[in-house]
Amino acid sequence: MKKKKVTILIVGSGNKTVSKKRISGYLLIHWKKFVALAAMVIIFLSVCIGYLISDRSRQIDIQVSLKNKIHHLHASFAEIDTAAIKDKFNHIDDELRGINDYLKARGIKQSISLPQGGDEDSGFTSAEETGDFYEKYIQKISYNFSHIPLGYPFYGAITSTFGHRENPFNGEGIETHKGLDIRAPMGSPVKAMAKGTVSFTGRRGGYGNCIILRHIDGYETLYGHLSKILVRPGQSIDIGQEIGKVGSTGRSTGPHLHYEIMRNGQKINPQPFLTLN
């Protein structure tokens, strides 16, 4: 039936033959399938056309939304109070100068200088330049604060200060005390007050078991009378790292920590370094 032809007579009014059409028998048998296929093609094309129209509409909406946002940003920038921003930066500069003065008082030199101000009409540098400056400056301050000795190696009562004192063993005579004595229970943790490198560990005269750390700008810290040493020479030390245990070795009247700060080989008073005041 597939290869056979079928003749269809098209009859007009009055039963008169108008024309003859020969079609495939296969087409005649499966005409419903062809109609369904044609309908599917039409539906598919309709969906594609509808999607393209909808996508174009979404693009137009996005463009309109972006234009509105740009317009809003322009309006926002127009309302920025530049005077208030300058006041904020001046306040930040004042705070940083105070920190800088604190570091200078302890012999720390800054490699980045704070701006000294300028012409009022000169305007701002770019946001990127301003951000880069403050980022570098704060990084430098952070480096200095982590590498110079600040704070208490053990937070306890100070029983003997830097300078001259009465002999603690018999009360006879005056002696020079070159550090701070901090009362602490036996075995309490002793922490490093700055990043640095261990330059000495072991027994040293009246200090008993002690540790010496080397820091930047000629600073060194000494921790004496320890019951236990937890580091070794040449080891890199992080700020706040536990380096030993409180003890009473050497010339000592009881458990405590003897703490010294040296600058370029000279012993200096650790008291100003305990707080930021």
Protein backbone atom coordinates (compact mmCIF):
# COMPACT_ATOMS: atom_id res chain seq x y z
CA MET A 1 0.00 0.00 0.00
CA LYS A 2 3.02 2.27 0.66
CA LYS A 3 4.09 2.32 -3.03
CA LYS A 4 0.61 2.33 -4.48
CA LYS A 5 -1.11 5.48 -5.55
CA VAL A 6 -4.68 6.27 -4.72
CA THR A 7 -6.83 8.39 -7.00
CA ILE A 8 -9.11 10.88 -5.37
CA LEU A 9 -11.91 12.38 -7.40
CA ILE A 10 -12.93 15.88 -6.47
CA VAL A 11 -16.59 16.26 -7.46
CA GLY A 12 -18.21 19.59 -7.81
CA SER A 13 -21.88 20.47 -7.64
CA GLY A 14 -24.16 18.58 -10.02
CA ASN A 15 -22.01 15.47 -9.63
CA LYS A 16 -19.64 16.71 -12.28
CA THR A 17 -15.99 15.60 -11.98
CA VAL A 18 -13.82 18.61 -11.52
CA SER A 19 -10.37 17.05 -11.07
CA LYS A 20 -8.43 13.97 -10.06
CA LYS A 21 -5.63 13.83 -7.51
CA ARG A 22 -3.24 10.91 -7.06
CA ILE A 23 -1.66 10.65 -3.62
CA SER A 24 0.47 8.11 -1.78
CA GLY A 25 -1.45 5.34 -0.08
CA TYR A 26 0.95 5.63 2.89
CA LEU A 27 0.06 9.30 3.30
CA LEU A 28 -3.58 8.50 3.17
CA ILE A 29 -3.30 5.81 5.83
CA HIS A 30 -1.09 7.86 8.24
CA TRP A 31 -2.53 11.32 7.66
CA LYS A 32 -3.22 11.75 11.39
CA LYS A 33 0.50 11.43 12.20
CA PHE A 34 1.42 14.09 9.67
CA VAL A 35 -1.23 16.43 11.04
CA ALA A 36 0.07 15.89 14.59
CA LEU A 37 3.69 16.51 13.46
CA ALA A 38 2.68 19.72 11.72
CA ALA A 39 0.85 20.84 14.86
CA MET A 40 3.94 20.14 17.02
CA VAL A 41 6.15 22.16 14.64
CA ILE A 42 3.73 25.07 14.81
CA ILE A 43 3.64 24.90 18.65
CA PHE A 44 7.44 24.72 18.87
CA LEU A 45 7.89 27.75 16.62
CA SER A 46 5.28 29.65 18.65
CA VAL A 47 7.13 28.90 21.92
CA CYS A 48 10.48 30.00 20.45
CA ILE A 49 9.02 33.24 19.14
CA GLY A 50 7.35 33.88 22.52
CA TYR A 51 10.63 33.24 24.41
CA LEU A 52 12.56 35.63 22.15
CA ILE A 53 9.97 38.32 22.66
CA SER A 54 9.98 37.74 26.44
CA ASP A 55 13.81 37.72 26.59
CA ARG A 56 13.95 40.97 24.69
CA SER A 57 11.49 42.43 27.17
CA ARG A 58 13.65 41.29 30.11
CA GLN A 59 16.72 42.89 28.54
CA ILE A 60 14.86 46.16 28.18
CA ASP A 61 13.77 45.92 31.85
CA ILE A 62 17.39 45.26 32.95
CA GLN A 63 18.65 48.24 30.97
CA VAL A 64 16.01 50.48 32.52
CA SER A 65 16.89 49.18 36.01
CA LEU A 66 20.62 49.82 35.48
CA LYS A 67 19.94 53.34 34.22
CA ASN A 68 17.85 54.02 37.34
CA LYS A 69 20.61 52.70 39.64
CA ILE A 70 23.27 54.79 37.90
CA HIS A 71 21.06 57.85 38.21
CA HIS A 72 20.58 57.06 41.93
CA LEU A 73 24.36 56.72 42.46
CA HIS A 74 24.97 60.05 40.74
CA ALA A 75 22.40 61.64 43.03
CA SER A 76 24.01 60.00 46.10
CA PHE A 77 27.49 61.22 45.19
CA ALA A 78 26.11 64.70 44.71
CA GLU A 79 24.89 64.63 48.31
CA ILE A 80 28.24 63.49 49.87
CA ASP A 81 29.45 65.90 52.54
CA THR A 82 33.14 66.25 51.68
CA ALA A 83 33.74 68.43 54.74
CA ALA A 84 32.55 65.64 57.02
CA ILE A 85 34.83 63.17 55.25
CA LYS A 86 37.81 65.49 55.75
CA ASP A 87 36.96 65.75 59.45
CA LYS A 88 36.92 61.95 59.71
CA PHE A 89 40.32 61.63 58.04
CA ASN A 90 41.75 64.39 60.26
CA HIS A 91 40.49 62.50 63.32
CA ILE A 92 42.13 59.29 62.07
CA ASP A 93 45.37 61.21 61.47
CA ASP A 94 45.29 62.56 65.04
CA GLU A 95 44.83 59.05 66.47
CA LEU A 96 47.65 57.66 64.35
CA ARG A 97 49.95 60.52 65.37
CA GLY A 98 49.29 59.65 69.00
CA ILE A 99 50.29 56.04 68.36
CA ASN A 100 53.31 57.23 66.40
CA ASP A 101 54.40 59.46 69.29
CA TYR A 102 54.10 56.48 71.64
CA LEU A 103 56.37 54.42 69.40
CA LYS A 104 58.86 57.26 68.97
CA ALA A 105 59.10 57.66 72.75
CA ARG A 106 60.31 54.06 72.82
CA GLY A 107 62.83 54.54 70.02
CA ILE A 108 60.76 53.04 67.21
CA LYS A 109 61.14 54.91 63.94
CA GLN A 110 58.33 54.92 61.41
CA SER A 111 59.13 54.35 57.74
CA ILE A 112 55.79 55.87 56.66
CA SER A 113 55.02 59.48 57.52
CA LEU A 114 51.57 60.84 58.16
CA PRO A 115 50.29 63.51 55.74
CA GLN A 116 51.02 67.05 56.87
CA GLY A 117 47.89 68.57 55.32
CA GLY A 118 47.67 70.75 52.21
CA ASP A 119 45.76 73.35 50.32
CA GLU A 120 42.10 73.37 51.29
CA ASP A 121 41.14 73.61 47.62
CA SER A 122 43.41 70.82 46.48
CA GLY A 123 40.71 68.20 47.02
CA PHE A 124 41.15 64.53 47.80
CA THR A 125 43.54 62.09 46.28
CA SER A 126 41.83 59.09 44.77
CA ALA A 127 40.07 56.66 47.09
CA GLU A 128 42.56 53.99 46.02
CA GLU A 129 45.58 56.15 46.95
CA THR A 130 44.06 57.11 50.30
CA GLY A 131 43.19 53.48 51.08
CA ASP A 132 46.68 52.28 50.11
CA PHE A 133 48.32 54.88 52.37
CA TYR A 134 46.32 53.99 55.48
CA GLU A 135 46.64 50.26 54.80
CA LYS A 136 50.44 50.50 54.62
CA TYR A 137 50.66 52.78 57.65
CA ILE A 138 48.48 50.53 59.83
CA GLN A 139 50.45 47.48 58.68
CA LYS A 140 53.67 49.22 59.79
CA ILE A 141 52.19 50.10 63.17
CA SER A 142 50.90 46.54 63.58
CA TYR A 143 54.39 45.22 62.78
CA ASN A 144 56.02 47.48 65.37
CA PHE A 145 53.49 46.67 68.06
CA SER A 146 54.01 42.94 67.55
CA HIS A 147 57.84 43.18 67.57
CA ILE A 148 58.50 45.47 70.55
CA PRO A 149 57.91 44.21 74.11
CA LEU A 150 54.56 45.44 75.44
CA GLY A 151 52.47 44.18 78.34
CA TYR A 152 52.90 41.74 81.22
CA PRO A 153 54.71 38.42 80.63
CA PHE A 154 52.64 37.25 83.59
CA TYR A 155 49.82 39.39 84.96
CA GLY A 156 50.52 39.63 88.68
CA ALA A 157 51.51 42.02 91.44
CA ILE A 158 54.84 43.81 91.02
CA THR A 159 56.84 43.19 94.17
CA SER A 160 60.05 44.97 93.16
CA THR A 161 60.49 47.76 90.62
CA PHE A 162 63.37 48.95 88.45
CA GLY A 163 66.09 50.94 90.22
CA HIS A 164 67.57 50.98 93.71
CA ARG A 165 66.10 48.82 96.44
CA GLU A 166 66.86 47.41 99.86
CA ASN A 167 68.59 44.05 99.90
CA PRO A 168 65.69 41.55 99.92
CA PHE A 169 67.67 38.82 101.71
CA ASN A 170 68.91 40.55 104.86
CA GLY A 171 67.64 44.12 104.50
CA GLU A 172 71.18 45.43 104.79
CA GLY A 173 72.45 47.84 102.18
CA ILE A 174 71.09 49.13 98.87
CA GLU A 175 71.34 47.29 95.58
CA THR A 176 70.40 48.09 91.99
CA HIS A 177 67.50 46.08 90.60
CA LYS A 178 67.62 46.05 86.81
CA GLY A 179 64.13 44.72 86.09
CA LEU A 180 60.71 44.01 87.54
CA ASP A 181 59.79 41.20 89.91
CA ILE A 182 56.26 39.90 89.34
CA ARG A 183 54.72 37.62 91.96
CA ALA A 184 53.34 34.37 90.50
CA PRO A 185 52.48 30.84 91.65
CA MET A 186 55.09 28.18 90.95
CA GLY A 187 54.72 26.75 87.44
CA SER A 188 52.62 29.63 86.06
CA PRO A 189 53.06 30.17 82.29
CA VAL A 190 55.46 32.89 81.15
CA LYS A 191 54.65 34.45 77.77
CA ALA A 192 56.79 36.31 75.24
CA MET A 193 55.94 40.00 75.04
CA ALA A 194 56.88 40.39 71.37
CA LYS A 195 57.83 38.44 68.29
CA GLY A 196 61.51 37.62 68.16
CA THR A 197 64.22 35.00 68.25
CA VAL A 198 65.62 33.08 71.24
CA SER A 199 69.21 34.20 71.77
CA PHE A 200 69.92 32.40 75.09
CA THR A 201 68.47 29.69 77.32
CA GLY A 202 69.98 28.14 80.45
CA ARG A 203 71.36 29.10 83.85
CA ARG A 204 72.97 32.52 84.24
CA GLY A 205 74.24 33.54 87.70
CA GLY A 206 71.61 35.02 89.98
CA TYR A 207 68.96 34.80 87.26
CA GLY A 208 68.89 31.01 87.59
CA ASN A 209 67.14 29.45 84.62
CA CYS A 210 66.49 32.26 82.16
CA ILE A 211 65.54 33.04 78.57
CA ILE A 212 66.68 36.00 76.47
CA LEU A 213 64.71 36.97 73.36
CA ARG A 214 66.01 39.31 70.64
CA HIS A 215 63.53 41.72 68.97
CA ILE A 216 63.69 44.59 66.44
CA ASP A 217 65.53 47.92 66.88
CA GLY A 218 68.00 46.52 69.40
CA TYR A 219 65.38 45.37 71.93
CA GLU A 220 65.90 42.28 74.09
CA THR A 221 63.80 40.79 76.89
CA LEU A 222 65.01 38.57 79.74
CA TYR A 223 62.83 36.19 81.79
CA GLY A 224 64.53 34.89 84.94
CA HIS A 225 64.17 32.44 87.88
CA LEU A 226 62.24 29.97 85.68
CA SER A 227 61.41 26.47 86.83
CA LYS A 228 61.16 25.24 83.24
CA ILE A 229 62.37 26.43 79.83
CA LEU A 230 60.16 25.54 76.84
CA VAL A 231 62.17 27.03 73.94
CA ARG A 232 65.60 26.60 72.40
CA PRO A 233 68.23 29.05 71.01
CA GLY A 234 67.55 30.19 67.45
CA GLN A 235 63.83 29.44 67.68
CA SER A 236 61.41 32.02 66.26
CA ILE A 237 58.91 33.15 68.88
CA ASP A 238 55.44 34.60 68.36
CA ILE A 239 53.89 37.27 70.55
CA GLY A 240 52.04 35.74 73.50
CA GLN A 241 53.73 32.34 73.04
CA GLU A 242 54.42 30.41 76.26
CA ILE A 243 58.19 30.15 76.62
CA GLY A 244 58.66 28.90 80.19
CA LYS A 245 57.27 28.36 83.69
CA VAL A 246 57.58 30.55 86.78
CA GLY A 247 60.06 29.27 89.35
CA SER A 248 62.50 30.30 92.07
CA THR A 249 65.88 29.29 90.64
CA GLY A 250 68.98 31.42 91.17
CA ARG A 251 69.05 34.31 93.63
CA SER A 252 65.41 34.26 94.64
CA THR A 253 63.35 34.51 97.81
CA GLY A 254 60.35 32.65 96.39
CA PRO A 255 58.37 31.92 93.20
CA HIS A 256 58.26 34.97 90.95
CA LEU A 257 59.28 36.17 87.50
CA HIS A 258 62.19 38.54 87.01
CA TYR A 259 61.57 40.53 83.80
CA GLU A 260 64.04 42.83 82.06
CA ILE A 261 64.04 44.92 78.89
CA MET A 262 67.31 45.92 77.19
CA ARG A 263 67.87 48.38 74.35
CA ASN A 264 71.17 48.21 72.49
CA GLY A 265 72.69 46.37 75.46
CA GLN A 266 71.47 48.88 78.07
CA LYS A 267 68.91 47.81 80.67
CA ILE A 268 65.87 50.12 80.71
CA ASN A 269 62.82 50.41 82.95
CA PRO A 270 60.14 47.92 81.77
CA GLN A 271 57.37 49.83 83.60
CA PRO A 272 56.42 52.18 80.70
CA PHE A 273 56.07 49.16 78.42
CA LEU A 274 53.47 47.38 80.54
CA THR A 275 50.54 49.50 79.29
CA LEU A 276 49.81 52.05 76.55
CA ASN A 277 49.18 54.85 79.05
